[in-house]
Amino acid sequence: MRIQDVSASVTVGLLLALPVVFLARVSHRRRLRKYEAEVRRMERENRDMRLRLVLEEARRRAAWRAGLGSDRAERRAGYSPSVEDIDGVTPAEFEDVVRRLLERDGLRAQVIGGRGD
């Protein structure tokens, strides 16, 4: 086999391989752009969700403050047991006192009761 034949075969092989390499690079770039666009979309979605969480938390706090509807002195006048009253209660009654104090301050509370609660 002559060197010219080998050279021609290599040249033809390279000419046939170039479109394959070119198409692979184009396909890779396309996929890369698609993934980058998806990452940008997810980052925007994440930012929007964080903003919604902050706004929801602010809305909840405002609703909680509005639900109190009175200043501290007025709330204390509604239910404010003395230390002596608290000292004289049973453990079950103490849980009820704490529940009532929490509800007075605008929080939801529930007495579970039982051992180890």
N, C-alpha and C. Protein backbone atom coordinates (compact mmCIF):
# COMPACT_ATOMS: atom_id res chain seq x y z
N MET A 1 0.85 -1.17 0.00
CA MET A 1 0.00 0.00 0.00
C MET A 1 0.89 1.23 0.00
N ARG A 2 0.52 2.15 -0.82
CA ARG A 2 1.32 3.35 -0.95
C ARG A 2 0.96 4.36 0.10
N ILE A 3 1.89 5.24 0.38
CA ILE A 3 1.68 6.29 1.38
C ILE A 3 0.55 7.23 0.96
N GLN A 4 0.40 7.47 -0.34
CA GLN A 4 -0.67 8.34 -0.82
C GLN A 4 -2.04 7.73 -0.54
N ASP A 5 -2.13 6.41 -0.66
CA ASP A 5 -3.41 5.75 -0.39
C ASP A 5 -3.76 5.85 1.10
N VAL A 6 -2.76 5.67 1.96
CA VAL A 6 -2.98 5.78 3.39
C VAL A 6 -3.38 7.21 3.74
N SER A 7 -2.67 8.15 3.14
CA SER A 7 -2.97 9.56 3.38
C SER A 7 -4.37 9.90 2.91
N ALA A 8 -4.76 9.40 1.77
CA ALA A 8 -6.10 9.67 1.25
C ALA A 8 -7.15 9.02 2.16
N SER A 9 -6.88 7.81 2.66
CA SER A 9 -7.82 7.13 3.54
C SER A 9 -7.99 7.90 4.86
N VAL A 10 -6.89 8.39 5.40
CA VAL A 10 -6.95 9.16 6.64
C VAL A 10 -7.71 10.46 6.40
N THR A 11 -7.45 11.10 5.27
CA THR A 11 -8.15 12.35 4.94
C THR A 11 -9.65 12.11 4.80
N VAL A 12 -10.03 11.06 4.11
CA VAL A 12 -11.45 10.74 3.94
C VAL A 12 -12.07 10.42 5.30
N GLY A 13 -11.35 9.67 6.12
CA GLY A 13 -11.85 9.34 7.45
C GLY A 13 -12.05 10.59 8.30
N LEU A 14 -11.09 11.50 8.23
CA LEU A 14 -11.22 12.74 8.98
C LEU A 14 -12.38 13.58 8.44
N LEU A 15 -12.52 13.63 7.14
CA LEU A 15 -13.63 14.39 6.55
C LEU A 15 -14.98 13.81 6.96
N LEU A 16 -15.05 12.49 7.11
CA LEU A 16 -16.30 11.86 7.54
C LEU A 16 -16.52 12.06 9.04
N ALA A 17 -15.46 12.16 9.83
CA ALA A 17 -15.58 12.31 11.28
C ALA A 17 -15.91 13.74 11.68
N LEU A 18 -15.49 14.72 10.90
CA LEU A 18 -15.71 16.12 11.26
C LEU A 18 -17.19 16.47 11.46
N PRO A 19 -18.08 16.08 10.57
CA PRO A 19 -19.50 16.40 10.82
C PRO A 19 -20.02 15.76 12.11
N VAL A 20 -19.55 14.56 12.42
CA VAL A 20 -19.99 13.89 13.64
C VAL A 20 -19.54 14.69 14.86
N VAL A 21 -18.29 15.12 14.86
CA VAL A 21 -17.76 15.92 15.97
C VAL A 21 -18.51 17.25 16.04
N PHE A 22 -18.72 17.87 14.91
CA PHE A 22 -19.44 19.15 14.87
C PHE A 22 -20.85 18.99 15.43
N LEU A 23 -21.57 17.95 14.99
CA LEU A 23 -22.93 17.72 15.47
C LEU A 23 -22.94 17.40 16.97
N ALA A 24 -21.95 16.68 17.45
CA ALA A 24 -21.87 16.37 18.88
C ALA A 24 -21.67 17.65 19.68
N ARG A 25 -20.81 18.53 19.19
CA ARG A 25 -20.59 19.80 19.89
C ARG A 25 -21.83 20.67 19.89
N VAL A 26 -22.52 20.72 18.76
CA VAL A 26 -23.75 21.51 18.67
C VAL A 26 -24.80 20.94 19.63
N SER A 27 -24.92 19.63 19.65
CA SER A 27 -25.89 18.99 20.55
C SER A 27 -25.52 19.27 22.01
N HIS A 28 -24.24 19.20 22.31
CA HIS A 28 -23.80 19.47 23.68
C HIS A 28 -24.10 20.91 24.07
N ARG A 29 -23.83 21.85 23.20
CA ARG A 29 -24.11 23.27 23.50
C ARG A 29 -25.61 23.49 23.70
N ARG A 30 -26.42 22.83 22.86
CA ARG A 30 -27.87 22.96 23.01
C ARG A 30 -28.35 22.46 24.36
N ARG A 31 -27.86 21.28 24.74
CA ARG A 31 -28.24 20.74 26.04
C ARG A 31 -27.75 21.62 27.17
N LEU A 32 -26.54 22.14 27.04
CA LEU A 32 -25.99 23.02 28.06
C LEU A 32 -26.84 24.28 28.21
N ARG A 33 -27.23 24.89 27.10
CA ARG A 33 -28.10 26.08 27.16
C ARG A 33 -29.44 25.74 27.80
N LYS A 34 -29.97 24.57 27.47
CA LYS A 34 -31.25 24.14 28.05
C LYS A 34 -31.11 23.98 29.56
N TYR A 35 -30.04 23.34 30.03
CA TYR A 35 -29.84 23.15 31.46
C TYR A 35 -29.60 24.48 32.17
N GLU A 36 -28.84 25.38 31.53
CA GLU A 36 -28.62 26.69 32.13
C GLU A 36 -29.93 27.47 32.25
N ALA A 37 -30.78 27.37 31.24
CA ALA A 37 -32.09 28.03 31.31
C ALA A 37 -32.93 27.44 32.43
N GLU A 38 -32.86 26.13 32.60
CA GLU A 38 -33.61 25.47 33.67
C GLU A 38 -33.10 25.91 35.04
N VAL A 39 -31.78 26.04 35.18
CA VAL A 39 -31.20 26.50 36.45
C VAL A 39 -31.67 27.92 36.74
N ARG A 40 -31.66 28.80 35.74
CA ARG A 40 -32.13 30.17 35.93
C ARG A 40 -33.60 30.19 36.33
N ARG A 41 -34.41 29.35 35.70
CA ARG A 41 -35.84 29.28 36.03
C ARG A 41 -36.03 28.82 37.48
N MET A 42 -35.27 27.81 37.88
CA MET A 42 -35.40 27.31 39.24
C MET A 42 -34.89 28.34 40.27
N GLU A 43 -33.85 29.08 39.93
CA GLU A 43 -33.38 30.13 40.83
C GLU A 43 -34.43 31.22 40.99
N ARG A 44 -35.08 31.60 39.88
CA ARG A 44 -36.17 32.60 39.97
C ARG A 44 -37.31 32.07 40.82
N GLU A 45 -37.67 30.81 40.60
CA GLU A 45 -38.75 30.20 41.38
C GLU A 45 -38.39 30.15 42.86
N ASN A 46 -37.15 29.81 43.17
CA ASN A 46 -36.69 29.76 44.55
C ASN A 46 -36.76 31.15 45.18
N ARG A 47 -36.30 32.17 44.45
CA ARG A 47 -36.34 33.55 44.96
C ARG A 47 -37.78 33.98 45.20
N ASP A 48 -38.67 33.65 44.27
CA ASP A 48 -40.09 34.01 44.42
C ASP A 48 -40.70 33.31 45.63
N MET A 49 -40.36 32.04 45.83
CA MET A 49 -40.90 31.30 46.97
C MET A 49 -40.40 31.88 48.29
N ARG A 50 -39.12 32.25 48.34
CA ARG A 50 -38.59 32.87 49.55
C ARG A 50 -39.30 34.19 49.83
N LEU A 51 -39.54 34.97 48.80
CA LEU A 51 -40.24 36.24 48.97
C LEU A 51 -41.66 35.98 49.48
N ARG A 52 -42.35 34.98 48.90
CA ARG A 52 -43.70 34.66 49.37
C ARG A 52 -43.69 34.22 50.83
N LEU A 53 -42.67 33.46 51.23
CA LEU A 53 -42.58 33.04 52.63
C LEU A 53 -42.39 34.24 53.56
N VAL A 54 -41.54 35.18 53.15
CA VAL A 54 -41.32 36.38 53.97
C VAL A 54 -42.61 37.18 54.07
N LEU A 55 -43.30 37.35 52.95
CA LEU A 55 -44.56 38.10 52.96
C LEU A 55 -45.63 37.40 53.79
N GLU A 56 -45.69 36.08 53.68
CA GLU A 56 -46.68 35.31 54.46
C GLU A 56 -46.38 35.43 55.96
N GLU A 57 -45.11 35.37 56.31
CA GLU A 57 -44.75 35.51 57.73
C GLU A 57 -45.11 36.91 58.22
N ALA A 58 -44.87 37.93 57.42
CA ALA A 58 -45.23 39.30 57.81
C ALA A 58 -46.75 39.43 57.96
N ARG A 59 -47.49 38.78 57.04
CA ARG A 59 -48.96 38.82 57.11
C ARG A 59 -49.45 38.13 58.38
N ARG A 60 -48.84 36.98 58.71
CA ARG A 60 -49.24 36.26 59.92
C ARG A 60 -48.95 37.08 61.18
N ARG A 61 -47.79 37.71 61.20
CA ARG A 61 -47.45 38.53 62.37
C ARG A 61 -48.42 39.70 62.51
N ALA A 62 -48.75 40.33 61.39
CA ALA A 62 -49.69 41.46 61.43
C ALA A 62 -51.07 40.98 61.91
N ALA A 63 -51.50 39.82 61.43
CA ALA A 63 -52.79 39.28 61.86
C ALA A 63 -52.76 38.94 63.34
N TRP A 64 -51.64 38.40 63.80
CA TRP A 64 -51.53 38.07 65.22
C TRP A 64 -51.59 39.34 66.06
N ARG A 65 -50.85 40.38 65.63
CA ARG A 65 -50.88 41.64 66.37
C ARG A 65 -52.28 42.24 66.36
N ALA A 66 -52.95 42.19 65.21
CA ALA A 66 -54.30 42.75 65.11
C ALA A 66 -55.27 41.94 65.96
N GLY A 67 -55.05 40.64 66.05
CA GLY A 67 -55.92 39.78 66.84
C GLY A 67 -55.82 40.07 68.33
N LEU A 68 -54.69 40.59 68.74
CA LEU A 68 -54.57 40.93 70.16
C LEU A 68 -55.55 42.04 70.49
N GLY A 69 -55.66 43.02 69.61
CA GLY A 69 -56.69 44.05 69.70
C GLY A 69 -56.66 44.94 70.90
N SER A 70 -55.71 44.79 71.77
CA SER A 70 -55.67 45.65 72.94
C SER A 70 -54.24 45.75 73.43
N ASP A 71 -54.01 46.66 74.30
CA ASP A 71 -52.67 46.77 74.84
C ASP A 71 -52.47 45.75 75.95
N ARG A 72 -51.27 45.67 76.45
CA ARG A 72 -50.93 44.64 77.43
C ARG A 72 -51.75 44.78 78.73
N ALA A 73 -51.97 46.01 79.16
CA ALA A 73 -52.71 46.21 80.41
C ALA A 73 -54.14 45.69 80.29
N GLU A 74 -54.77 45.92 79.15
CA GLU A 74 -56.14 45.43 78.95
C GLU A 74 -56.17 43.91 78.92
N ARG A 75 -55.19 43.29 78.27
CA ARG A 75 -55.15 41.82 78.22
C ARG A 75 -54.92 41.25 79.61
N ARG A 76 -54.04 41.88 80.37
CA ARG A 76 -53.76 41.39 81.72
C ARG A 76 -55.00 41.51 82.61
N ALA A 77 -55.80 42.54 82.36
CA ALA A 77 -57.01 42.70 83.16
C ALA A 77 -57.99 41.57 82.88
N GLY A 78 -57.97 41.02 81.66
CA GLY A 78 -58.87 39.93 81.31
C GLY A 78 -58.56 38.67 82.08
N TYR A 79 -57.29 38.30 82.21
CA TYR A 79 -56.91 37.11 82.97
C TYR A 79 -55.47 37.29 83.41
N SER A 80 -55.27 37.41 84.69
CA SER A 80 -53.93 37.57 85.22
C SER A 80 -53.89 37.02 86.64
N PRO A 81 -53.62 35.72 86.77
CA PRO A 81 -53.60 35.13 88.11
C PRO A 81 -52.39 35.63 88.90
N SER A 82 -52.53 35.67 90.18
CA SER A 82 -51.42 36.09 91.04
C SER A 82 -50.47 34.91 91.24
N VAL A 83 -49.30 35.21 91.75
CA VAL A 83 -48.31 34.16 92.03
C VAL A 83 -48.87 33.19 93.06
N GLU A 84 -49.57 33.72 94.05
CA GLU A 84 -50.16 32.85 95.07
C GLU A 84 -51.18 31.90 94.46
N ASP A 85 -51.97 32.42 93.51
CA ASP A 85 -52.96 31.56 92.84
C ASP A 85 -52.26 30.44 92.08
N ILE A 86 -51.18 30.77 91.43
CA ILE A 86 -50.46 29.77 90.64
C ILE A 86 -49.78 28.75 91.56
N ASP A 87 -49.22 29.22 92.67
CA ASP A 87 -48.55 28.31 93.60
C ASP A 87 -49.50 27.28 94.20
N GLY A 88 -50.76 27.62 94.32
CA GLY A 88 -51.70 26.73 94.99
C GLY A 88 -52.42 25.76 94.07
N VAL A 89 -52.03 25.64 92.83
CA VAL A 89 -52.78 24.77 91.91
C VAL A 89 -52.07 23.43 91.75
N THR A 90 -52.85 22.44 91.32
CA THR A 90 -52.29 21.12 91.02
C THR A 90 -51.58 21.17 89.67
N PRO A 91 -50.79 20.17 89.34
CA PRO A 91 -50.11 20.17 88.04
C PRO A 91 -51.08 20.28 86.86
N ALA A 92 -52.20 19.59 86.93
CA ALA A 92 -53.19 19.67 85.84
C ALA A 92 -53.78 21.07 85.75
N GLU A 93 -54.07 21.68 86.90
CA GLU A 93 -54.59 23.05 86.89
C GLU A 93 -53.54 24.04 86.40
N PHE A 94 -52.26 23.76 86.71
CA PHE A 94 -51.18 24.63 86.24
C PHE A 94 -51.12 24.65 84.72
N GLU A 95 -51.29 23.48 84.10
CA GLU A 95 -51.32 23.42 82.64
C GLU A 95 -52.46 24.27 82.10
N ASP A 96 -53.60 24.24 82.76
CA ASP A 96 -54.73 25.04 82.31
C ASP A 96 -54.45 26.54 82.47
N VAL A 97 -53.77 26.92 83.56
CA VAL A 97 -53.41 28.32 83.78
C VAL A 97 -52.49 28.79 82.66
N VAL A 98 -51.49 27.98 82.34
CA VAL A 98 -50.55 28.34 81.27
C VAL A 98 -51.28 28.45 79.93
N ARG A 99 -52.21 27.51 79.67
CA ARG A 99 -52.99 27.58 78.43
C ARG A 99 -53.77 28.88 78.36
N ARG A 100 -54.42 29.25 79.43
CA ARG A 100 -55.22 30.49 79.45
C ARG A 100 -54.34 31.72 79.27
N LEU A 101 -53.15 31.71 79.86
CA LEU A 101 -52.22 32.85 79.68
C LEU A 101 -51.77 32.96 78.22
N LEU A 102 -51.48 31.82 77.61
CA LEU A 102 -51.08 31.84 76.19
C LEU A 102 -52.22 32.34 75.30
N GLU A 103 -53.42 31.86 75.56
CA GLU A 103 -54.57 32.30 74.77
C GLU A 103 -54.84 33.78 74.99
N ARG A 104 -54.64 34.26 76.21
CA ARG A 104 -54.81 35.68 76.50
C ARG A 104 -53.87 36.52 75.64
N ASP A 105 -52.68 36.00 75.40
CA ASP A 105 -51.68 36.73 74.61
C ASP A 105 -51.79 36.46 73.12
N GLY A 106 -52.87 35.80 72.70
CA GLY A 106 -53.13 35.65 71.28
C GLY A 106 -52.58 34.39 70.65
N LEU A 107 -52.12 33.45 71.44
CA LEU A 107 -51.60 32.21 70.89
C LEU A 107 -52.62 31.09 71.08
N ARG A 108 -52.54 30.10 70.22
CA ARG A 108 -53.41 28.93 70.38
C ARG A 108 -52.69 27.93 71.25
N ALA A 109 -53.38 27.35 72.20
CA ALA A 109 -52.77 26.38 73.09
C ALA A 109 -53.78 25.29 73.39
N GLN A 110 -53.24 24.13 73.71
CA GLN A 110 -54.10 22.99 74.02
C GLN A 110 -53.44 22.21 75.15
N VAL A 111 -54.20 21.85 76.15
CA VAL A 111 -53.69 21.02 77.23
C VAL A 111 -53.77 19.59 76.79
N ILE A 112 -52.62 18.93 76.79
CA ILE A 112 -52.57 17.53 76.37
C ILE A 112 -52.81 16.63 77.57
N GLY A 113 -52.18 16.94 78.69
CA GLY A 113 -52.36 16.14 79.89
C GLY A 113 -51.65 14.81 79.80
N GLY A 114 -51.69 14.10 80.88
CA GLY A 114 -51.07 12.79 80.91
C GLY A 114 -49.62 12.85 81.34
N ARG A 115 -49.07 11.71 81.56
CA ARG A 115 -47.70 11.60 82.04
C ARG A 115 -46.70 11.85 80.91
N GLY A 116 -45.63 12.60 81.22
CA GLY A 116 -44.53 12.81 80.27
C GLY A 116 -44.82 13.78 79.14
N ASP A 117 -45.85 14.60 79.31
CA ASP A 117 -46.16 15.55 78.24
C ASP A 117 -45.25 16.75 78.37
